[in-house]
Each structure stands twice: as C-alpha cells, then as structure tokens.
C-alpha cells in the first residue's frame, strides 16, 4: 500500500512559485521519482477590507487586493524524497502544505 504525499504550494508571486515547482520537478527527475502534476488551480483573487482605526464604525482605507496562485504535486511512494521536499526551506512568500495518505489497491 503506497503512501501518497500531496504537496500544495501557494504564493502571490506566480513566477517564483513556478520556479520552485520546476526545481522540485528537476530534483525528482534526477532521483527517478515520478510526480503527478503540477496541477494548477485557478488563481484566487482576494480582497481584504482595511480599517483606519481599531474602533467600530471607523473609516476605511481602500481594500487590499491580491492574487494567490496554487500548484499541487503528488508523489506516489518515494517517502524519503517526499519527506525531503516537504521539509525543505522555500523562498519567502512560498507557502507549502503536505498531506500524506495511504492508498489501498482496488480489490484489497
């Protein structure tokens, strides 16, 4: 029963995010690790209201708007490689989440 490590990488900087994903793909290729992905998600456009003071009913600044880009990679097996990638240091602005799942084969 293989373990599947699903890495979700997010950033507001699409180019930096793609550079990090390309680096992971290169590392996997050198070690013979087969990856599924990267699977891009549609960009998420966020808008955050900003108050000028902390009190209730205060005036507001213009809302802060930004975009978050997401890429998902799955590593089937290769637990050592997955652990290494998940525990790596990433550039500022790159957020990485790892999810590990043990999958059973059909019929088991």
Protein backbone atom coordinates (compact mmCIF):
# COMPACT_ATOMS: atom_id res chain seq x y z
CA UNK A 1 0.00 0.00 0.00
CA UNK A 2 1.86 3.07 -1.21
CA UNK A 3 1.90 6.37 0.58
CA UNK A 4 0.89 9.39 -1.48
CA UNK A 5 2.30 12.74 -0.46
CA UNK A 6 0.29 15.64 -1.81
CA UNK A 7 2.14 18.94 -1.76
CA UNK A 8 0.16 22.15 -2.15
CA UNK A 9 2.29 25.20 -2.91
CA UNK A 10 0.81 28.71 -2.82
CA UNK A 11 2.19 32.17 -3.47
CA UNK A 12 1.20 35.61 -4.60
CA UNK A 13 4.20 35.56 -6.97
CA UNK A 14 3.35 33.22 -9.86
CA UNK A 15 6.84 33.30 -11.38
CA UNK A 16 8.59 32.45 -8.10
CA UNK A 17 6.04 29.67 -7.49
CA UNK A 18 6.65 28.19 -10.95
CA UNK A 19 10.43 28.36 -10.35
CA UNK A 20 10.05 26.39 -7.10
CA UNK A 21 7.80 23.79 -8.78
CA UNK A 22 10.28 23.45 -11.67
CA UNK A 23 13.09 22.89 -9.14
CA UNK A 24 11.09 20.12 -7.43
CA UNK A 25 10.45 18.51 -10.84
CA UNK A 26 14.20 18.64 -11.66
CA UNK A 27 15.11 17.09 -8.29
CA UNK A 28 12.55 14.32 -8.83
CA UNK A 29 13.84 13.65 -12.33
CA UNK A 30 17.43 13.32 -11.09
CA UNK A 31 16.34 10.76 -8.47
CA UNK A 32 14.00 8.84 -10.78
CA UNK A 33 10.90 9.87 -8.84
CA UNK A 34 7.69 10.05 -10.82
CA UNK A 35 5.46 13.01 -9.97
CA UNK A 36 1.82 13.61 -10.76
CA UNK A 37 1.40 17.26 -11.60
CA UNK A 38 1.93 20.04 -11.12
CA UNK A 39 -1.79 20.67 -11.24
CA UNK A 40 -2.55 24.40 -11.30
CA UNK A 41 -5.70 25.69 -9.63
CA UNK A 42 -7.44 28.80 -10.94
CA UNK A 43 -5.92 31.93 -9.37
CA UNK A 44 -7.82 33.10 -6.31
CA UNK A 45 -8.42 36.86 -6.26
CA UNK A 46 -8.82 38.14 -2.72
CA UNK A 47 -9.97 41.48 -1.36
CA UNK A 48 -9.31 42.46 2.25
CA UNK A 49 -11.01 45.50 3.86
CA UNK A 50 -8.76 47.79 5.92
CA UNK A 51 -9.95 49.99 8.77
CA UNK A 52 -8.16 53.26 9.55
CA UNK A 53 -8.58 52.68 13.30
CA UNK A 54 -9.42 49.74 15.53
CA UNK A 55 -12.73 51.13 16.78
CA UNK A 56 -16.14 50.08 15.49
CA UNK A 57 -17.63 52.04 12.61
CA UNK A 58 -14.28 53.58 11.72
CA UNK A 59 -13.40 54.93 8.30
CA UNK A 60 -11.76 52.56 5.86
CA UNK A 61 -8.81 52.61 3.55
CA UNK A 62 -9.20 51.21 0.07
CA UNK A 63 -9.36 47.40 0.20
CA UNK A 64 -6.15 45.48 -0.29
CA UNK A 65 -6.42 43.23 -3.34
CA UNK A 66 -4.11 40.37 -4.22
CA UNK A 67 -4.00 37.08 -6.10
CA UNK A 68 -2.94 33.68 -4.77
CA UNK A 69 -1.60 31.07 -7.19
CA UNK A 70 -1.69 27.36 -6.29
CA UNK A 71 0.08 24.29 -7.66
CA UNK A 72 -0.44 20.71 -6.44
CA UNK A 73 2.05 17.86 -6.83
CA UNK A 74 1.57 14.21 -5.84
CA UNK A 75 4.46 11.90 -5.02
CA UNK A 76 3.46 8.22 -5.00
CA UNK A 77 5.85 6.20 -2.89
CA UNK A 78 9.41 7.57 -2.55
CA UNK A 79 8.77 8.54 1.08
CA UNK A 80 12.35 9.76 1.64
CA UNK A 81 12.16 12.11 -1.33
CA UNK A 82 8.71 13.34 -0.28
CA UNK A 83 9.93 13.98 3.28
CA UNK A 84 12.95 15.86 1.95
CA UNK A 85 10.87 18.05 -0.37
CA UNK A 86 8.20 18.76 2.26
CA UNK A 87 10.84 19.72 4.83
CA UNK A 88 12.91 21.92 2.52
CA UNK A 89 13.39 25.64 3.05
CA UNK A 90 11.48 27.65 0.47
CA UNK A 91 11.81 31.29 -0.56
CA UNK A 92 9.86 33.90 1.33
CA UNK A 93 6.32 34.14 0.01
CA UNK A 94 6.01 30.43 -0.83
CA UNK A 95 3.64 28.50 1.43
CA UNK A 96 3.85 24.69 1.36
CA UNK A 97 1.40 22.20 2.87
CA UNK A 98 1.96 18.45 2.85
CA UNK A 99 -0.75 15.83 3.16
CA UNK A 100 0.11 12.13 3.41
CA UNK A 101 -2.39 9.42 2.58
CA UNK A 102 -2.00 5.65 2.45
CA UNK A 103 -3.86 4.28 -0.53
CA UNK A 104 -5.03 0.72 -0.93
CA UNK A 105 -5.27 -1.02 -4.24
CA UNK A 106 -8.69 -1.82 -5.67
CA UNK A 107 -9.87 -5.24 -4.57
CA UNK A 108 -7.99 -5.21 -1.23
